[in-house]
Amino acid sequence: MRNIRPFLPFILLAFVLGGCSGSASLAPIGASSAETGSKPVMAPPLPGANPVDGSSKEIGVRDDAKIIRTGTMDLEVRDVPTAVRTARDAIVAIGGYVGASNTGNQGDRPTAEITYRIPADRWEAALDTLRSLDGQTTKVVAEHTEAVEVTAQVVDLEARIRNLQASEVALQGIAAKATKVSDVLEVEARLTEVRGQIEQLTAQLKDLNDRAGFATLAVRFNVPLVAVEVAARSWEPKTAVDEAAATMLAILQNLVTAGIWFAIVWLPILIVVGILALIGVRIARRVNVRAHEPSETWQTPTTPTAPPSAPPSVPPVPEA
């Protein structure tokens, strides 16, 4: 510090002079030579701006948001094969492709379930196209869409990958300078672990970017049902016979089950209860008979009866 103190004034003077020159160089871009004392400095044109007057005519705002869009649609169409071909051509025309497909028949009606991968920026256009299909769509039975933003997850994965890559470079430098076998093995093990984490996070990041770049839409194609077909499908004789037979079998099973329970459980209980009741009745009868029998030592006194009296005599009637 003692050696530096004599030079402090010169150091401060150098800072002041440097600040003055820096302020001159930081003059507003595009200022005239009268203001700066030098040649005018023109600002570089913005992307999409006119190089002559610098006016911006077609400057688009960049959106870095990562949004995963998914949806389902249930369509009634005039003809399923024609509608499927029309939808495929329309999706391919906007840059999408068919991810999966499943076709079949429900009775005499053809059906198809197609999964489309659609560019995220053409999502609404694809929905509008499928709602009409050049007149093939007769009714949109159901439609459901979802949007989940994963920007934070993408940024987090990118940061973690960069940190792991920096750790990988540092470990490679340590491995190059290591002299002991144990140190080399330990660093190699750590390198293997870090590389595995990098590959895992890179795969997750790729999957998120793929799902955010291409939305997924599952569409089901059906032909409309006729009222007669609906009525015919709602009644089937075979089904009615099966239901009636099942009901009869259930009733018989219940009756047999009730008989088994009665024979094993209730019948013995009723027999025991009947025997006990019969014994009780007999005991009650014996007690009642004994209560009504006369006593041997006591007799009821009898009252004497008077002899029967003679009938009164009637005088004879004189003859005329």
C-alpha atoms as a PDB file:
ATOM      1  CA  MET A   1       0.000   0.000   0.000  1.00  0.00           C
ATOM      2  CA  ARG A   2       2.861   2.391   0.712  1.00  0.00           C
ATOM      3  CA  ASN A   3       4.264   1.862  -2.793  1.00  0.00           C
ATOM      4  CA  ILE A   4       0.849   2.516  -4.435  1.00  0.00           C
ATOM      5  CA  ARG A   5      -0.117   5.707  -2.574  1.00  0.00           C
ATOM      6  CA  PRO A   6       2.241   8.029  -4.533  1.00  0.00           C
ATOM      7  CA  PHE A   7       0.593   6.876  -7.788  1.00  0.00           C
ATOM      8  CA  LEU A   8      -3.038   7.336  -6.661  1.00  0.00           C
ATOM      9  CA  PRO A   9      -3.451  10.831  -8.252  1.00  0.00           C
ATOM     10  CA  PHE A  10      -2.220   9.528 -11.597  1.00  0.00           C
ATOM     11  CA  ILE A  11      -4.556   6.550 -11.410  1.00  0.00           C
ATOM     12  CA  LEU A  12      -7.557   8.811 -10.664  1.00  0.00           C
ATOM     13  CA  LEU A  13      -6.593  11.095 -13.581  1.00  0.00           C
ATOM     14  CA  ALA A  14      -6.438   8.080 -15.920  1.00  0.00           C
ATOM     15  CA  PHE A  15      -9.935   7.001 -14.823  1.00  0.00           C
ATOM     16  CA  VAL A  16     -11.313  10.501 -15.466  1.00  0.00           C
ATOM     17  CA  LEU A  17      -9.789  10.670 -18.934  1.00  0.00           C
ATOM     18  CA  GLY A  18     -11.080   7.189 -19.745  1.00  0.00           C
ATOM     19  CA  GLY A  19     -14.573   8.194 -18.632  1.00  0.00           C
ATOM     20  CA  CYS A  20     -14.567  11.239 -20.876  1.00  0.00           C
ATOM     21  CA  SER A  21     -13.494   9.229 -23.892  1.00  0.00           C
ATOM     22  CA  GLY A  22     -16.079   6.553 -23.057  1.00  0.00           C
ATOM     23  CA  SER A  23     -18.865   9.131 -22.864  1.00  0.00           C
ATOM     24  CA  ALA A  24     -17.916  10.401 -26.294  1.00  0.00           C
ATOM     25  CA  SER A  25     -18.043   6.877 -27.711  1.00  0.00           C
ATOM     26  CA  LEU A  26     -21.439   6.240 -26.024  1.00  0.00           C
ATOM     27  CA  ALA A  27     -23.169   9.013 -27.964  1.00  0.00           C
ATOM     28  CA  PRO A  28     -26.664   8.117 -29.277  1.00  0.00           C
ATOM     29  CA  ILE A  29     -26.647   5.847 -32.268  1.00  0.00           C
ATOM     30  CA  GLY A  30     -27.390   7.806 -35.434  1.00  0.00           C
ATOM     31  CA  ALA A  31     -26.352  11.241 -33.976  1.00  0.00           C
ATOM     32  CA  SER A  32     -24.981  13.846 -36.357  1.00  0.00           C
ATOM     33  CA  SER A  33     -21.297  14.810 -36.682  1.00  0.00           C
ATOM     34  CA  ALA A  34     -22.016  18.215 -35.124  1.00  0.00           C
ATOM     35  CA  GLU A  35     -23.064  16.522 -31.889  1.00  0.00           C
ATOM     36  CA  THR A  36     -20.294  13.910 -31.704  1.00  0.00           C
ATOM     37  CA  GLY A  37     -17.557  15.541 -33.631  1.00  0.00           C
ATOM     38  CA  SER A  38     -17.177  12.446 -35.793  1.00  0.00           C
ATOM     39  CA  LYS A  39     -18.876  10.664 -38.606  1.00  0.00           C
ATOM     40  CA  PRO A  40     -22.505   9.635 -37.990  1.00  0.00           C
ATOM     41  CA  VAL A  41     -23.054   6.076 -36.815  1.00  0.00           C
ATOM     42  CA  MET A  42     -26.156   4.389 -38.219  1.00  0.00           C
ATOM     43  CA  ALA A  43     -28.078   1.784 -36.221  1.00  0.00           C
ATOM     44  CA  PRO A  44     -28.167  -1.676 -37.753  1.00  0.00           C
ATOM     45  CA  PRO A  45     -31.557  -2.479 -39.285  1.00  0.00           C
ATOM     46  CA  LEU A  46     -33.861  -4.706 -37.259  1.00  0.00           C
ATOM     47  CA  PRO A  47     -34.809  -8.116 -38.657  1.00  0.00           C
ATOM     48  CA  GLY A  48     -37.578  -7.608 -41.182  1.00  0.00           C
ATOM     49  CA  ALA A  49     -37.097  -3.804 -41.328  1.00  0.00           C
ATOM     50  CA  ASN A  50     -36.691  -1.718 -44.429  1.00  0.00           C
ATOM     51  CA  PRO A  51     -32.906  -1.099 -44.928  1.00  0.00           C
ATOM     52  CA  VAL A  52     -33.602   2.361 -46.429  1.00  0.00           C
ATOM     53  CA  ASP A  53     -35.692   4.097 -43.771  1.00  0.00           C
ATOM     54  CA  GLY A  54     -35.359   1.539 -40.972  1.00  0.00           C
ATOM     55  CA  SER A  55     -39.123   1.187 -40.594  1.00  0.00           C
ATOM     56  CA  SER A  56     -40.357  -2.175 -39.399  1.00  0.00           C
ATOM     57  CA  LYS A  57     -43.130  -3.615 -41.531  1.00  0.00           C
ATOM     58  CA  GLU A  58     -43.140  -7.378 -40.827  1.00  0.00           C
ATOM     59  CA  ILE A  59     -41.774  -7.935 -37.354  1.00  0.00           C
ATOM     60  CA  GLY A  60     -43.314 -10.979 -35.660  1.00  0.00           C
ATOM     61  CA  VAL A  61     -43.275 -11.523 -31.922  1.00  0.00           C
ATOM     62  CA  ARG A  62     -41.474 -14.734 -31.109  1.00  0.00           C
ATOM     63  CA  ASP A  63     -43.286 -17.038 -28.707  1.00  0.00           C
ATOM     64  CA  ASP A  64     -41.076 -19.582 -26.981  1.00  0.00           C
ATOM     65  CA  ALA A  65     -43.880 -21.132 -24.931  1.00  0.00           C
ATOM     66  CA  LYS A  66     -43.994 -24.918 -25.061  1.00  0.00           C
ATOM     67  CA  ILE A  67     -47.590 -26.151 -25.060  1.00  0.00           C
ATOM     68  CA  ILE A  68     -48.684 -29.765 -25.415  1.00  0.00           C
ATOM     69  CA  ARG A  69     -52.056 -29.974 -27.152  1.00  0.00           C
ATOM     70  CA  THR A  70     -54.210 -33.095 -27.196  1.00  0.00           C
ATOM     71  CA  GLY A  71     -57.777 -33.725 -28.247  1.00  0.00           C
ATOM     72  CA  THR A  72     -60.454 -36.186 -29.319  1.00  0.00           C
ATOM     73  CA  MET A  73     -63.270 -35.907 -31.869  1.00  0.00           C
ATOM     74  CA  ASP A  74     -66.247 -38.140 -32.610  1.00  0.00           C
ATOM     75  CA  LEU A  75     -67.591 -37.556 -36.118  1.00  0.00           C
ATOM     76  CA  GLU A  76     -70.552 -38.857 -38.073  1.00  0.00           C
ATOM     77  CA  VAL A  77     -69.706 -38.967 -41.785  1.00  0.00           C
ATOM     78  CA  ARG A  78     -71.450 -39.963 -44.985  1.00  0.00           C
ATOM     79  CA  ASP A  79     -68.935 -42.664 -45.901  1.00  0.00           C
ATOM     80  CA  VAL A  80     -66.190 -43.835 -43.552  1.00  0.00           C
ATOM     81  CA  PRO A  81     -63.496 -44.862 -46.112  1.00  0.00           C
ATOM     82  CA  THR A  82     -63.931 -41.653 -48.101  1.00  0.00           C
ATOM     83  CA  ALA A  83     -63.831 -39.523 -44.956  1.00  0.00           C
ATOM     84  CA  VAL A  84     -60.681 -41.269 -43.731  1.00  0.00           C
ATOM     85  CA  ARG A  85     -58.897 -40.646 -47.035  1.00  0.00           C
ATOM     86  CA  THR A  86     -59.991 -37.020 -47.125  1.00  0.00           C
ATOM     87  CA  ALA A  87     -58.836 -36.429 -43.557  1.00  0.00           C
ATOM     88  CA  ARG A  88     -55.468 -38.085 -44.200  1.00  0.00           C
ATOM     89  CA  ASP A  89     -54.809 -35.948 -47.257  1.00  0.00           C
ATOM     90  CA  ALA A  90     -55.782 -32.771 -45.394  1.00  0.00           C
ATOM     91  CA  ILE A  91     -53.539 -33.543 -42.400  1.00  0.00           C
ATOM     92  CA  VAL A  92     -50.575 -34.417 -44.621  1.00  0.00           C
ATOM     93  CA  ALA A  93     -51.102 -31.190 -46.571  1.00  0.00           C
ATOM     94  CA  ILE A  94     -50.596 -29.073 -43.442  1.00  0.00           C
ATOM     95  CA  GLY A  95     -47.461 -30.971 -42.400  1.00  0.00           C
ATOM     96  CA  GLY A  96     -48.921 -33.648 -40.137  1.00  0.00           C
ATOM     97  CA  TYR A  97     -49.034 -37.404 -40.344  1.00  0.00           C
ATOM     98  CA  VAL A  98     -51.020 -40.439 -39.172  1.00  0.00           C
ATOM     99  CA  GLY A  99     -49.715 -41.757 -35.865  1.00  0.00           C
ATOM    100  CA  ALA A 100     -52.000 -44.781 -35.478  1.00  0.00           C
ATOM    101  CA  SER A 101     -55.126 -46.224 -37.053  1.00  0.00           C
ATOM    102  CA  ASN A 102     -57.742 -48.837 -36.234  1.00  0.00           C
ATOM    103  CA  THR A 103     -60.584 -49.805 -38.574  1.00  0.00           C
ATOM    104  CA  GLY A 104     -63.384 -52.336 -38.147  1.00  0.00           C
ATOM    105  CA  ASN A 105     -67.112 -52.966 -38.252  1.00  0.00           C
ATOM    106  CA  GLN A 106     -69.872 -52.741 -35.656  1.00  0.00           C
ATOM    107  CA  GLY A 107     -72.389 -55.104 -37.133  1.00  0.00           C
ATOM    108  CA  ASP A 108     -72.921 -53.798 -40.663  1.00  0.00           C
ATOM    109  CA  ARG A 109     -71.528 -50.332 -39.890  1.00  0.00           C
ATOM    110  CA  PRO A 110     -67.869 -49.524 -40.700  1.00  0.00           C
ATOM    111  CA  THR A 111     -65.915 -47.556 -38.106  1.00  0.00           C
ATOM    112  CA  ALA A 112     -62.412 -46.108 -37.904  1.00  0.00           C
ATOM    113  CA  GLU A 113     -60.262 -44.619 -35.134  1.00  0.00           C
ATOM    114  CA  ILE A 114     -57.319 -42.565 -36.420  1.00  0.00           C
ATOM    115  CA  THR A 115     -54.680 -40.732 -34.356  1.00  0.00           C
ATOM    116  CA  TYR A 116     -53.115 -37.733 -36.099  1.00  0.00           C
ATOM    117  CA  ARG A 117     -49.931 -35.815 -35.232  1.00  0.00           C
ATOM    118  CA  ILE A 118     -50.460 -32.201 -36.207  1.00  0.00           C
ATOM    119  CA  PRO A 119     -47.982 -29.286 -36.176  1.00  0.00           C
ATOM    120  CA  ALA A 120     -48.738 -27.120 -33.160  1.00  0.00           C
ATOM    121  CA  ASP A 121     -49.088 -23.953 -35.237  1.00  0.00           C
ATOM    122  CA  ARG A 122     -51.701 -25.644 -37.501  1.00  0.00           C
ATOM    123  CA  TRP A 123     -53.856 -27.055 -34.705  1.00  0.00           C
ATOM    124  CA  GLU A 124     -56.908 -24.850 -35.262  1.00  0.00           C
ATOM    125  CA  ALA A 125     -56.705 -25.302 -39.024  1.00  0.00           C
ATOM    126  CA  ALA A 126     -56.751 -29.075 -38.580  1.00  0.00           C
ATOM    127  CA  LEU A 127     -59.811 -28.891 -36.307  1.00  0.00           C
ATOM    128  CA  ASP A 128     -61.684 -26.729 -38.810  1.00  0.00           C
ATOM    129  CA  THR A 129     -60.786 -29.119 -41.623  1.00  0.00           C
ATOM    130  CA  LEU A 130     -62.039 -32.184 -39.756  1.00  0.00           C
ATOM    131  CA  ARG A 131     -65.287 -30.461 -38.809  1.00  0.00           C
ATOM    132  CA  SER A 132     -66.226 -30.247 -42.486  1.00  0.00           C
ATOM    133  CA  LEU A 133     -64.051 -32.676 -44.540  1.00  0.00           C
ATOM    134  CA  ASP A 134     -65.382 -31.205 -47.799  1.00  0.00           C
ATOM    135  CA  GLY A 135     -68.955 -32.067 -46.859  1.00  0.00           C
ATOM    136  CA  GLN A 136     -68.225 -35.576 -45.609  1.00  0.00           C
ATOM    137  CA  THR A 137     -68.847 -34.704 -41.943  1.00  0.00           C
ATOM    138  CA  THR A 138     -72.563 -34.692 -41.162  1.00  0.00           C
ATOM    139  CA  LYS A 139     -72.342 -34.178 -37.401  1.00  0.00           C
ATOM    140  CA  VAL A 140     -69.691 -33.493 -34.756  1.00  0.00           C
ATOM    141  CA  VAL A 141     -70.933 -35.785 -31.995  1.00  0.00           C
ATOM    142  CA  ALA A 142     -68.251 -34.829 -29.460  1.00  0.00           C
ATOM    143  CA  GLU A 143     -65.096 -32.743 -29.327  1.00  0.00           C
ATOM    144  CA  HIS A 144     -62.604 -32.331 -26.474  1.00  0.00           C
ATOM    145  CA  THR A 145     -59.250 -30.536 -26.456  1.00  0.00           C
ATOM    146  CA  GLU A 146     -56.634 -29.862 -23.800  1.00  0.00           C
ATOM    147  CA  ALA A 147     -53.539 -27.643 -23.624  1.00  0.00           C
ATOM    148  CA  VAL A 148     -50.766 -28.055 -21.037  1.00  0.00           C
ATOM    149  CA  GLU A 149     -47.848 -25.640 -20.919  1.00  0.00           C
ATOM    150  CA  VAL A 150     -44.477 -27.293 -20.259  1.00  0.00           C
ATOM    151  CA  THR A 151     -42.172 -24.306 -20.779  1.00  0.00           C
ATOM    152  CA  ALA A 152     -40.894 -24.434 -17.210  1.00  0.00           C
ATOM    153  CA  GLN A 153     -40.133 -28.146 -17.502  1.00  0.00           C
ATOM    154  CA  VAL A 154     -38.221 -27.630 -20.755  1.00  0.00           C
ATOM    155  CA  VAL A 155     -36.161 -24.777 -19.291  1.00  0.00           C
ATOM    156  CA  ASP A 156     -35.414 -26.828 -16.173  1.00  0.00           C
ATOM    157  CA  LEU A 157     -34.313 -29.847 -18.201  1.00  0.00           C
ATOM    158  CA  GLU A 158     -32.081 -27.721 -20.416  1.00  0.00           C
ATOM    159  CA  ALA A 159     -30.416 -26.137 -17.367  1.00  0.00           C
ATOM    160  CA  ARG A 160     -29.853 -29.507 -15.712  1.00  0.00           C
ATOM    161  CA  ILE A 161     -28.367 -30.919 -18.911  1.00  0.00           C
ATOM    162  CA  ARG A 162     -25.969 -27.966 -19.203  1.00  0.00           C
ATOM    163  CA  ASN A 163     -24.864 -28.393 -15.598  1.00  0.00           C
ATOM    164  CA  LEU A 164     -24.293 -32.105 -16.084  1.00  0.00           C
ATOM    165  CA  GLN A 165     -22.346 -31.463 -19.279  1.00  0.00           C
ATOM    166  CA  ALA A 166     -20.127 -28.997 -17.402  1.00  0.00           C
ATOM    167  CA  SER A 167     -19.605 -31.617 -14.694  1.00  0.00           C
ATOM    168  CA  GLU A 168     -18.731 -34.142 -17.408  1.00  0.00           C
ATOM    169  CA  VAL A 169     -16.054 -31.825 -18.851  1.00  0.00           C
ATOM    170  CA  ALA A 170     -14.622 -31.204 -15.378  1.00  0.00           C
ATOM    171  CA  LEU A 171     -14.515 -34.906 -14.608  1.00  0.00           C
ATOM    172  CA  GLN A 172     -12.789 -35.605 -17.920  1.00  0.00           C
ATOM    173  CA  GLY A 173     -10.111 -33.078 -16.965  1.00  0.00           C
ATOM    174  CA  ILE A 174      -9.676 -34.704 -13.561  1.00  0.00           C
ATOM    175  CA  ALA A 175      -9.459 -38.135 -15.177  1.00  0.00           C
ATOM    176  CA  ALA A 176      -6.708 -36.892 -17.508  1.00  0.00           C
ATOM    177  CA  LYS A 177      -4.638 -35.677 -14.547  1.00  0.00           C
ATOM    178  CA  ALA A 178      -5.285 -38.640 -12.249  1.00  0.00           C
ATOM    179  CA  THR A 179      -2.291 -40.905 -11.590  1.00  0.00           C
ATOM    180  CA  LYS A 180      -3.680 -43.449  -9.148  1.00  0.00           C
ATOM    181  CA  VAL A 181      -5.753 -46.339 -10.391  1.00  0.00           C
ATOM    182  CA  SER A 182      -8.290 -45.856  -7.596  1.00  0.00           C
ATOM    183  CA  ASP A 183      -8.756 -42.212  -8.539  1.00  0.00           C
ATOM    184  CA  VAL A 184      -9.185 -43.109 -12.204  1.00  0.00           C
ATOM    185  CA  LEU A 185     -11.792 -45.749 -11.381  1.00  0.00           C
ATOM    186  CA  GLU A 186     -13.697 -43.388  -9.100  1.00  0.00           C
ATOM    187  CA  VAL A 187     -13.735 -40.635 -11.730  1.00  0.00           C
ATOM    188  CA  GLU A 188     -14.820 -43.087 -14.435  1.00  0.00           C
ATOM    189  CA  ALA A 189     -17.691 -44.282 -12.247  1.00  0.00           C
ATOM    190  CA  ARG A 190     -18.774 -40.720 -11.676  1.00  0.00           C
ATOM    191  CA  LEU A 191     -18.505 -40.006 -15.415  1.00  0.00           C
ATOM    192  CA  THR A 192     -20.696 -43.014 -16.203  1.00  0.00           C
ATOM    193  CA  GLU A 193     -23.326 -41.797 -13.732  1.00  0.00           C
ATOM    194  CA  VAL A 194     -23.286 -38.265 -15.126  1.00  0.00           C
ATOM    195  CA  ARG A 195     -23.537 -39.475 -18.725  1.00  0.00           C
ATOM    196  CA  GLY A 196     -26.463 -41.703 -17.807  1.00  0.00           C
ATOM    197  CA  GLN A 197     -28.266 -38.731 -16.253  1.00  0.00           C
ATOM    198  CA  ILE A 198     -27.535 -36.639 -19.341  1.00  0.00           C
ATOM    199  CA  GLU A 199     -28.994 -39.312 -21.632  1.00  0.00           C
ATOM    200  CA  GLN A 200     -32.083 -39.685 -19.446  1.00  0.00           C
ATOM    201  CA  LEU A 201     -32.763 -35.950 -19.264  1.00  0.00           C
ATOM    202  CA  THR A 202     -32.036 -35.558 -22.978  1.00  0.00           C
ATOM    203  CA  ALA A 203     -34.658 -38.209 -23.771  1.00  0.00           C
ATOM    204  CA  GLN A 204     -37.212 -36.433 -21.551  1.00  0.00           C
ATOM    205  CA  LEU A 205     -36.425 -33.104 -23.215  1.00  0.00           C
ATOM    206  CA  LYS A 206     -36.769 -34.638 -26.678  1.00  0.00           C
ATOM    207  CA  ASP A 207     -40.134 -36.158 -25.766  1.00  0.00           C
ATOM    208  CA  LEU A 208     -41.449 -32.837 -24.429  1.00  0.00           C
ATOM    209  CA  ASN A 209     -40.254 -30.949 -27.501  1.00  0.00           C
ATOM    210  CA  ASP A 210     -41.811 -33.574 -29.781  1.00  0.00           C
ATOM    211  CA  ARG A 211     -45.187 -33.449 -28.040  1.00  0.00           C
ATOM    212  CA  ALA A 212     -45.093 -29.655 -27.947  1.00  0.00           C
ATOM    213  CA  GLY A 213     -44.124 -29.451 -31.613  1.00  0.00           C
ATOM    214  CA  PHE A 214     -46.751 -31.942 -32.822  1.00  0.00           C
ATOM    215  CA  ALA A 215     -50.164 -32.061 -31.193  1.00  0.00           C
ATOM    216  CA  THR A 216     -52.066 -35.351 -30.886  1.00  0.00           C
ATOM    217  CA  LEU A 217     -55.654 -35.680 -32.072  1.00  0.00           C
ATOM    218  CA  ALA A 218     -57.665 -38.924 -31.929  1.00  0.00           C
ATOM    219  CA  VAL A 219     -60.640 -38.976 -34.311  1.00  0.00           C
ATOM    220  CA  ARG A 220     -63.403 -41.570 -34.494  1.00  0.00           C
ATOM    221  CA  PHE A 221     -65.399 -41.919 -37.732  1.00  0.00           C
ATOM    222  CA  ASN A 222     -68.913 -43.446 -37.770  1.00  0.00           C
ATOM    223  CA  VAL A 223     -71.920 -43.395 -40.064  1.00  0.00           C
ATOM    224  CA  PRO A 224     -75.228 -42.154 -38.579  1.00  0.00           C
ATOM    225  CA  LEU A 225     -77.676 -44.747 -37.276  1.00  0.00           C
ATOM    226  CA  VAL A 226     -81.147 -45.105 -38.816  1.00  0.00           C
ATOM    227  CA  ALA A 227     -84.138 -45.238 -36.431  1.00  0.00           C
ATOM    228  CA  VAL A 228     -85.142 -48.703 -37.672  1.00  0.00           C
ATOM    229  CA  GLU A 229     -81.636 -49.995 -37.039  1.00  0.00           C
ATOM    230  CA  VAL A 230     -81.696 -48.543 -33.551  1.00  0.00           C
ATOM    231  CA  ALA A 231     -85.033 -50.246 -32.812  1.00  0.00           C
ATOM    232  CA  ALA A 232     -83.809 -53.542 -34.258  1.00  0.00           C
ATOM    233  CA  ARG A 233     -80.584 -53.376 -32.234  1.00  0.00           C
ATOM    234  CA  SER A 234     -82.513 -52.621 -29.042  1.00  0.00           C
ATOM    235  CA  TRP A 235     -84.466 -55.946 -29.253  1.00  0.00           C
ATOM    236  CA  GLU A 236     -82.879 -59.327 -29.841  1.00  0.00           C
ATOM    237  CA  PRO A 237     -84.848 -62.579 -29.350  1.00  0.00           C
ATOM    238  CA  LYS A 238     -81.764 -64.482 -28.345  1.00  0.00           C
ATOM    239  CA  THR A 239     -81.019 -61.961 -25.639  1.00  0.00           C
ATOM    240  CA  ALA A 240     -84.606 -62.125 -24.372  1.00  0.00           C
ATOM    241  CA  VAL A 241     -84.467 -65.941 -24.229  1.00  0.00           C
ATOM    242  CA  ASP A 242     -81.165 -65.842 -22.400  1.00  0.00           C
ATOM    243  CA  GLU A 243     -82.490 -63.337 -19.870  1.00  0.00           C
ATOM    244  CA  ALA A 244     -85.687 -65.385 -19.280  1.00  0.00           C
ATOM    245  CA  ALA A 245     -83.712 -68.611 -18.859  1.00  0.00           C
ATOM    246  CA  ALA A 246     -81.320 -66.884 -16.490  1.00  0.00           C
ATOM    247  CA  THR A 247     -84.250 -65.545 -14.426  1.00  0.00           C
ATOM    248  CA  MET A 248     -85.916 -68.999 -14.240  1.00  0.00           C
ATOM    249  CA  LEU A 249     -82.632 -70.608 -13.248  1.00  0.00           C
ATOM    250  CA  ALA A 250     -82.130 -67.990 -10.545  1.00  0.00           C
ATOM    251  CA  ILE A 251     -85.639 -68.674  -9.158  1.00  0.00           C
ATOM    252  CA  LEU A 252     -85.044 -72.446  -9.088  1.00  0.00           C
ATOM    253  CA  GLN A 253     -81.696 -71.936  -7.426  1.00  0.00           C
ATOM    254  CA  ASN A 254     -83.321 -69.774  -4.773  1.00  0.00           C
ATOM    255  CA  LEU A 255     -86.038 -72.378  -4.142  1.00  0.00           C
ATOM    256  CA  VAL A 256     -83.504 -75.180  -3.831  1.00  0.00           C
ATOM    257  CA  THR A 257     -81.400 -73.056  -1.536  1.00  0.00           C
ATOM    258  CA  ALA A 258     -84.449 -72.316   0.645  1.00  0.00           C
ATOM    259  CA  GLY A 259     -85.286 -76.062   0.806  1.00  0.00           C
ATOM    260  CA  ILE A 260     -81.740 -76.912   1.828  1.00  0.00           C
ATOM    261  CA  TRP A 261     -81.802 -74.295   4.559  1.00  0.00           C
ATOM    262  CA  PHE A 262     -85.204 -75.539   5.770  1.00  0.00           C
ATOM    263  CA  ALA A 263     -84.096 -79.196   5.860  1.00  0.00           C
ATOM    264  CA  ILE A 264     -80.760 -78.546   7.562  1.00  0.00           C
ATOM    265  CA  VAL A 265     -81.503 -75.597   9.837  1.00  0.00           C
ATOM    266  CA  TRP A 266     -85.186 -74.954  10.406  1.00  0.00           C
ATOM    267  CA  LEU A 267     -86.594 -78.504  10.406  1.00  0.00           C
ATOM    268  CA  PRO A 268     -84.510 -79.717  13.393  1.00  0.00           C
ATOM    269  CA  ILE A 269     -85.361 -76.527  15.263  1.00  0.00           C
ATOM    270  CA  LEU A 270     -89.083 -77.029  14.592  1.00  0.00           C
ATOM    271  CA  ILE A 271     -88.916 -80.693  15.711  1.00  0.00           C
ATOM    272  CA  VAL A 272     -87.258 -79.750  18.992  1.00  0.00           C
ATOM    273  CA  VAL A 273     -89.746 -76.933  19.561  1.00  0.00           C
ATOM    274  CA  GLY A 274     -92.688 -79.323  18.814  1.00  0.00           C
ATOM    275  CA  ILE A 275     -91.403 -81.939  21.275  1.00  0.00           C
ATOM    276  CA  LEU A 276     -90.988 -79.334  23.993  1.00  0.00           C
ATOM    277  CA  ALA A 277     -94.497 -77.985  23.288  1.00  0.00           C
ATOM    278  CA  LEU A 278     -96.031 -81.498  23.473  1.00  0.00           C
ATOM    279  CA  ILE A 279     -94.308 -82.165  26.796  1.00  0.00           C
ATOM    280  CA  GLY A 280     -95.596 -78.842  28.122  1.00  0.00           C
ATOM    281  CA  VAL A 281     -99.152 -79.605  27.032  1.00  0.00           C
ATOM    282  CA  ARG A 282     -99.145 -83.000  28.764  1.00  0.00           C
ATOM    283  CA  ILE A 283     -97.778 -81.544  31.969  1.00  0.00           C
ATOM    284  CA  ALA A 284    -100.430 -78.821  31.900  1.00  0.00           C
ATOM    285  CA  ARG A 285    -103.211 -81.402  31.425  1.00  0.00           C
ATOM    286  CA  ARG A 286    -102.049 -83.509  34.366  1.00  0.00           C
ATOM    287  CA  VAL A 287    -101.891 -80.479  36.609  1.00  0.00           C
ATOM    288  CA  ASN A 288    -105.403 -79.456  35.529  1.00  0.00           C
ATOM    289  CA  VAL A 289    -106.875 -82.962  36.185  1.00  0.00           C
ATOM    290  CA  ARG A 290    -105.384 -83.132  39.657  1.00  0.00           C
ATOM    291  CA  ALA A 291    -106.759 -79.715  40.472  1.00  0.00           C
ATOM    292  CA  HIS A 292    -110.360 -80.825  39.652  1.00  0.00           C
ATOM    293  CA  GLU A 293    -110.368 -84.256  41.529  1.00  0.00           C
ATOM    294  CA  PRO A 294    -112.571 -84.317  44.896  1.00  0.00           C
ATOM    295  CA  SER A 295    -110.820 -84.729  48.228  1.00  0.00           C
ATOM    296  CA  GLU A 296    -111.121 -88.102  50.083  1.00  0.00           C
ATOM    297  CA  THR A 297    -111.566 -86.624  53.679  1.00  0.00           C
ATOM    298  CA  TRP A 298    -114.155 -83.974  52.857  1.00  0.00           C
ATOM    299  CA  GLN A 299    -117.645 -84.630  51.398  1.00  0.00           C
ATOM    300  CA  THR A 300    -120.323 -82.205  50.527  1.00  0.00           C
ATOM    301  CA  PRO A 301    -123.369 -82.500  52.948  1.00  0.00           C
ATOM    302  CA  THR A 302    -126.660 -83.563  51.406  1.00  0.00           C
ATOM    303  CA  THR A 303    -130.048 -81.974  52.325  1.00  0.00           C
ATOM    304  CA  PRO A 304    -133.079 -84.296  52.988  1.00  0.00           C
ATOM    305  CA  THR A 305    -135.723 -84.260  50.407  1.00  0.00           C
ATOM    306  CA  ALA A 306    -139.477 -84.094  51.323  1.00  0.00           C
ATOM    307  CA  PRO A 307    -141.748 -86.954  50.241  1.00  0.00           C
ATOM    308  CA  PRO A 308    -143.945 -86.167  47.326  1.00  0.00           C
ATOM    309  CA  SER A 309    -147.377 -84.787  48.338  1.00  0.00           C
ATOM    310  CA  ALA A 310    -150.651 -86.443  47.193  1.00  0.00           C
ATOM    311  CA  PRO A 311    -152.658 -84.613  44.619  1.00  0.00           C
ATOM    312  CA  PRO A 312    -155.794 -82.852  45.905  1.00  0.00           C
ATOM    313  CA  SER A 313    -159.083 -84.739  45.664  1.00  0.00           C
ATOM    314  CA  VAL A 314    -161.696 -83.422  43.226  1.00  0.00           C
ATOM    315  CA  PRO A 315    -165.436 -83.821  44.237  1.00  0.00           C
ATOM    316  CA  PRO A 316    -167.542 -85.804  41.789  1.00  0.00           C
ATOM    317  CA  VAL A 317    -169.837 -83.943  39.517  1.00  0.00           C
ATOM    318  CA  PRO A 318    -173.566 -84.834  40.062  1.00  0.00           C
ATOM    319  CA  GLU A 319    -175.392 -86.311  37.189  1.00  0.00           C
ATOM    320  CA  ALA A 320    -178.259 -84.490  35.689  1.00  0.00           C
END
